[in-house]
Each structure stands twice: as structure tokens, then as C-alpha cells.
Amino acid sequence: MKHIVTVQEAVTAFEPWMEPTDAELDAIDREMPLILADVDLIDAQITAMDHGANEVDARRVRRTLARVLTEYRILANRTTDTVGGAA
């Protein structure tokens, strides 16, 4: 009979290289408005799929999609500005 044991220590072991760097955390902070807009879009799409099609859900999806595109444009322009290119 073989015993089954867990390798919890290996899975949750702490290694300094596993932590995000300050630059990665800053990148996440810069992208957070876009991430939140994407989450809202997915939520609106799920709500629209939950029942029959109606105009309110269609407007909500269009509005959140416009917000995603706006946040993407803002992020792209900010990224190009910091690199030194023209937007």
C-alpha cells in the first residue's frame, strides 16, 4: 500500500525571485483602469447572456466597450509618451 502525501512545502515555498518587482507592480498600477474596464465589460456581457436580448443590455455592453477602448487609448498614449515616441 502506497501512502499519498502532500508537497505543500514545495508548492508554497517562498523564494524572493517569485515576488513581483517594483517595475512589475508599477506596470500593474498603470494598467489597472484598463483591467477594471475589461472586468466591467465581461460582467455586462454575462448579464446580457443571462436572459433575452434587450436594448438596456445592448447599451450597457456598448458603453463598457467604449470605456475599454478609451482606457486602452489612454494607456497606449501614456506608454508611447514615456518611451519618447509620438502618439
N, C-alpha and C. Protein backbone atom coordinates (compact mmCIF):
# COMPACT_ATOMS: atom_id res chain seq x y z
N MET A 1 0.84 -1.17 0.00
CA MET A 1 0.00 0.00 0.00
C MET A 1 0.89 1.25 0.00
N LYS A 2 0.62 2.14 -0.95
CA LYS A 2 1.38 3.38 -1.02
C LYS A 2 0.62 4.49 -0.31
N HIS A 3 1.38 5.32 0.39
CA HIS A 3 0.78 6.45 1.07
C HIS A 3 0.85 7.68 0.17
N ILE A 4 -0.21 8.42 0.16
CA ILE A 4 -0.23 9.65 -0.62
C ILE A 4 0.03 10.81 0.35
N VAL A 5 1.05 11.57 0.04
CA VAL A 5 1.40 12.70 0.90
C VAL A 5 1.36 13.98 0.07
N THR A 6 1.21 15.09 0.72
CA THR A 6 1.19 16.37 0.02
C THR A 6 2.59 16.96 -0.03
N VAL A 7 2.78 17.79 -0.99
CA VAL A 7 4.04 18.52 -1.11
C VAL A 7 3.76 20.00 -0.92
N GLN A 8 3.02 20.30 0.12
CA GLN A 8 2.62 21.67 0.39
C GLN A 8 3.82 22.60 0.52
N GLU A 9 4.86 22.12 1.13
CA GLU A 9 6.03 22.96 1.33
C GLU A 9 6.64 23.37 0.00
N ALA A 10 6.68 22.47 -0.95
CA ALA A 10 7.25 22.78 -2.26
C ALA A 10 6.35 23.73 -3.04
N VAL A 11 5.05 23.61 -2.85
CA VAL A 11 4.12 24.45 -3.59
C VAL A 11 4.10 25.87 -3.05
N THR A 12 4.13 26.00 -1.75
CA THR A 12 4.00 27.33 -1.14
C THR A 12 5.32 27.87 -0.62
N ALA A 13 6.40 27.31 -1.06
CA ALA A 13 7.70 27.78 -0.59
C ALA A 13 7.93 29.21 -1.04
N PHE A 14 8.53 30.00 -0.21
CA PHE A 14 8.80 31.40 -0.54
C PHE A 14 10.20 31.51 -1.14
N GLU A 15 10.25 32.11 -2.27
CA GLU A 15 11.51 32.41 -2.92
C GLU A 15 11.47 33.88 -3.32
N PRO A 16 12.49 34.63 -3.04
CA PRO A 16 12.46 36.06 -3.38
C PRO A 16 12.24 36.33 -4.86
N TRP A 17 12.71 35.47 -5.73
CA TRP A 17 12.55 35.69 -7.15
C TRP A 17 11.11 35.47 -7.62
N MET A 18 10.27 34.91 -6.76
CA MET A 18 8.89 34.65 -7.12
C MET A 18 8.01 35.90 -6.93
N GLU A 19 8.49 36.86 -6.19
CA GLU A 19 7.72 38.07 -5.92
C GLU A 19 7.82 39.04 -7.10
N PRO A 20 6.76 39.80 -7.36
CA PRO A 20 6.85 40.79 -8.45
C PRO A 20 7.81 41.91 -8.09
N THR A 21 8.48 42.40 -9.09
CA THR A 21 9.42 43.51 -8.88
C THR A 21 8.63 44.81 -8.77
N ASP A 22 9.32 45.86 -8.34
CA ASP A 22 8.67 47.17 -8.25
C ASP A 22 8.21 47.64 -9.63
N ALA A 23 8.98 47.37 -10.65
CA ALA A 23 8.59 47.76 -12.02
C ALA A 23 7.33 47.02 -12.46
N GLU A 24 7.22 45.74 -12.12
CA GLU A 24 6.03 44.97 -12.48
C GLU A 24 4.80 45.50 -11.73
N LEU A 25 4.97 45.83 -10.46
CA LEU A 25 3.86 46.38 -9.68
C LEU A 25 3.44 47.75 -10.23
N ASP A 26 4.40 48.56 -10.66
CA ASP A 26 4.07 49.85 -11.26
C ASP A 26 3.31 49.66 -12.58
N ALA A 27 3.72 48.66 -13.36
CA ALA A 27 3.03 48.38 -14.62
C ALA A 27 1.59 47.95 -14.35
N ILE A 28 1.38 47.15 -13.33
CA ILE A 28 0.02 46.72 -12.97
C ILE A 28 -0.81 47.93 -12.55
N ASP A 29 -0.21 48.82 -11.77
CA ASP A 29 -0.92 50.04 -11.36
C ASP A 29 -1.31 50.89 -12.56
N ARG A 30 -0.41 51.01 -13.54
CA ARG A 30 -0.72 51.79 -14.74
C ARG A 30 -1.84 51.16 -15.55
N GLU A 31 -1.89 49.82 -15.57
CA GLU A 31 -2.88 49.11 -16.37
C GLU A 31 -4.19 48.86 -15.62
N MET A 32 -4.26 49.20 -14.34
CA MET A 32 -5.44 48.87 -13.54
C MET A 32 -6.74 49.47 -14.09
N PRO A 33 -6.79 50.73 -14.57
CA PRO A 33 -8.05 51.22 -15.14
C PRO A 33 -8.53 50.38 -16.33
N LEU A 34 -7.60 49.94 -17.17
CA LEU A 34 -7.98 49.09 -18.30
C LEU A 34 -8.46 47.72 -17.81
N ILE A 35 -7.79 47.17 -16.82
CA ILE A 35 -8.20 45.88 -16.27
C ILE A 35 -9.61 45.96 -15.70
N LEU A 36 -9.89 47.01 -14.93
CA LEU A 36 -11.21 47.18 -14.34
C LEU A 36 -12.28 47.40 -15.41
N ALA A 37 -11.94 48.13 -16.48
CA ALA A 37 -12.88 48.33 -17.57
C ALA A 37 -13.17 47.00 -18.27
N ASP A 38 -12.15 46.17 -18.45
CA ASP A 38 -12.34 44.83 -19.04
C ASP A 38 -13.26 43.98 -18.17
N VAL A 39 -13.07 44.05 -16.87
CA VAL A 39 -13.93 43.29 -15.94
C VAL A 39 -15.37 43.76 -16.06
N ASP A 40 -15.58 45.07 -16.14
CA ASP A 40 -16.94 45.59 -16.29
C ASP A 40 -17.56 45.14 -17.61
N LEU A 41 -16.76 45.10 -18.68
CA LEU A 41 -17.27 44.65 -19.98
C LEU A 41 -17.68 43.19 -19.90
N ILE A 42 -16.86 42.37 -19.31
CA ILE A 42 -17.20 40.95 -19.18
C ILE A 42 -18.46 40.78 -18.34
N ASP A 43 -18.58 41.56 -17.28
CA ASP A 43 -19.77 41.50 -16.43
C ASP A 43 -21.02 41.89 -17.22
N ALA A 44 -20.92 42.94 -18.04
CA ALA A 44 -22.05 43.36 -18.85
C ALA A 44 -22.42 42.30 -19.89
N GLN A 45 -21.41 41.67 -20.47
CA GLN A 45 -21.67 40.62 -21.46
C GLN A 45 -22.33 39.41 -20.81
N ILE A 46 -21.89 39.05 -19.62
CA ILE A 46 -22.50 37.91 -18.92
C ILE A 46 -23.94 38.23 -18.56
N THR A 47 -24.19 39.46 -18.10
CA THR A 47 -25.55 39.87 -17.78
C THR A 47 -26.43 39.82 -19.01
N ALA A 48 -25.91 40.25 -20.15
CA ALA A 48 -26.68 40.24 -21.39
C ALA A 48 -26.99 38.81 -21.84
N MET A 49 -26.09 37.88 -21.59
CA MET A 49 -26.31 36.49 -22.00
C MET A 49 -27.25 35.75 -21.04
N ASP A 50 -27.45 36.32 -19.87
CA ASP A 50 -28.23 35.65 -18.83
C ASP A 50 -29.72 35.58 -19.18
N HIS A 51 -30.20 36.47 -20.02
CA HIS A 51 -31.61 36.48 -20.39
C HIS A 51 -31.75 36.97 -21.83
N GLY A 52 -32.96 37.11 -22.27
CA GLY A 52 -33.20 37.51 -23.66
C GLY A 52 -32.63 38.88 -23.96
N ALA A 53 -32.35 39.10 -25.24
CA ALA A 53 -31.74 40.36 -25.66
C ALA A 53 -32.71 41.52 -25.44
N ASN A 54 -32.17 42.64 -24.94
CA ASN A 54 -32.96 43.85 -24.81
C ASN A 54 -32.04 45.06 -25.01
N GLU A 55 -32.66 46.21 -25.19
CA GLU A 55 -31.91 47.42 -25.51
C GLU A 55 -31.05 47.90 -24.35
N VAL A 56 -31.49 47.72 -23.14
CA VAL A 56 -30.73 48.17 -21.97
C VAL A 56 -29.39 47.42 -21.89
N ASP A 57 -29.43 46.12 -22.05
CA ASP A 57 -28.20 45.34 -22.02
C ASP A 57 -27.27 45.70 -23.18
N ALA A 58 -27.85 45.91 -24.35
CA ALA A 58 -27.04 46.28 -25.52
C ALA A 58 -26.34 47.61 -25.28
N ARG A 59 -27.05 48.59 -24.70
CA ARG A 59 -26.43 49.88 -24.39
C ARG A 59 -25.34 49.73 -23.34
N ARG A 60 -25.59 48.89 -22.34
CA ARG A 60 -24.59 48.68 -21.29
C ARG A 60 -23.31 48.08 -21.88
N VAL A 61 -23.45 47.11 -22.76
CA VAL A 61 -22.28 46.49 -23.39
C VAL A 61 -21.54 47.50 -24.26
N ARG A 62 -22.29 48.29 -25.06
CA ARG A 62 -21.64 49.31 -25.90
C ARG A 62 -20.91 50.36 -25.06
N ARG A 63 -21.54 50.78 -23.96
CA ARG A 63 -20.93 51.79 -23.11
C ARG A 63 -19.65 51.26 -22.46
N THR A 64 -19.69 50.02 -21.97
CA THR A 64 -18.49 49.48 -21.32
C THR A 64 -17.40 49.18 -22.36
N LEU A 65 -17.79 48.79 -23.57
CA LEU A 65 -16.80 48.59 -24.63
C LEU A 65 -16.13 49.91 -24.98
N ALA A 66 -16.91 50.99 -25.04
CA ALA A 66 -16.33 52.31 -25.31
C ALA A 66 -15.36 52.69 -24.19
N ARG A 67 -15.70 52.34 -22.96
CA ARG A 67 -14.80 52.65 -21.84
C ARG A 67 -13.50 51.86 -21.96
N VAL A 68 -13.60 50.59 -22.34
CA VAL A 68 -12.40 49.77 -22.53
C VAL A 68 -11.51 50.38 -23.60
N LEU A 69 -12.11 50.77 -24.72
CA LEU A 69 -11.32 51.36 -25.81
C LEU A 69 -10.69 52.69 -25.39
N THR A 70 -11.41 53.48 -24.61
CA THR A 70 -10.86 54.74 -24.11
C THR A 70 -9.69 54.49 -23.18
N GLU A 71 -9.84 53.55 -22.26
CA GLU A 71 -8.75 53.25 -21.33
C GLU A 71 -7.54 52.68 -22.08
N TYR A 72 -7.80 51.87 -23.11
CA TYR A 72 -6.70 51.33 -23.90
C TYR A 72 -5.95 52.44 -24.62
N ARG A 73 -6.71 53.41 -25.19
CA ARG A 73 -6.09 54.54 -25.87
C ARG A 73 -5.26 55.37 -24.90
N ILE A 74 -5.80 55.62 -23.72
CA ILE A 74 -5.07 56.41 -22.71
C ILE A 74 -3.79 55.69 -22.32
N LEU A 75 -3.87 54.38 -22.09
CA LEU A 75 -2.69 53.61 -21.71
C LEU A 75 -1.66 53.60 -22.84
N ALA A 76 -2.13 53.42 -24.07
CA ALA A 76 -1.20 53.39 -25.21
C ALA A 76 -0.51 54.74 -25.39
N ASN A 77 -1.26 55.82 -25.25
CA ASN A 77 -0.65 57.15 -25.38
C ASN A 77 0.33 57.42 -24.24
N ARG A 78 -0.02 57.00 -23.04
CA ARG A 78 0.88 57.21 -21.89
C ARG A 78 2.15 56.40 -22.08
N THR A 79 2.03 55.19 -22.57
CA THR A 79 3.20 54.33 -22.78
C THR A 79 4.11 54.92 -23.85
N THR A 80 3.52 55.42 -24.94
CA THR A 80 4.35 55.98 -26.00
C THR A 80 4.99 57.28 -25.54
N ASP A 81 4.29 58.05 -24.74
CA ASP A 81 4.85 59.30 -24.26
C ASP A 81 6.06 59.05 -23.34
N THR A 82 6.00 58.02 -22.53
CA THR A 82 7.09 57.75 -21.62
C THR A 82 8.29 57.17 -22.36
N VAL A 83 8.04 56.50 -23.48
CA VAL A 83 9.14 55.93 -24.26
C VAL A 83 9.80 57.00 -25.11
N GLY A 84 9.04 58.04 -25.45
CA GLY A 84 9.61 59.13 -26.23
C GLY A 84 9.08 59.20 -27.64
N GLY A 85 8.14 58.34 -27.98
CA GLY A 85 7.56 58.38 -29.31
C GLY A 85 6.37 59.33 -29.37
N ALA A 86 5.86 59.53 -30.56
CA ALA A 86 4.68 60.36 -30.73
C ALA A 86 3.45 59.48 -30.77
N ALA A 87 2.37 59.98 -30.21
CA ALA A 87 1.13 59.20 -30.17
C ALA A 87 0.31 59.43 -31.41
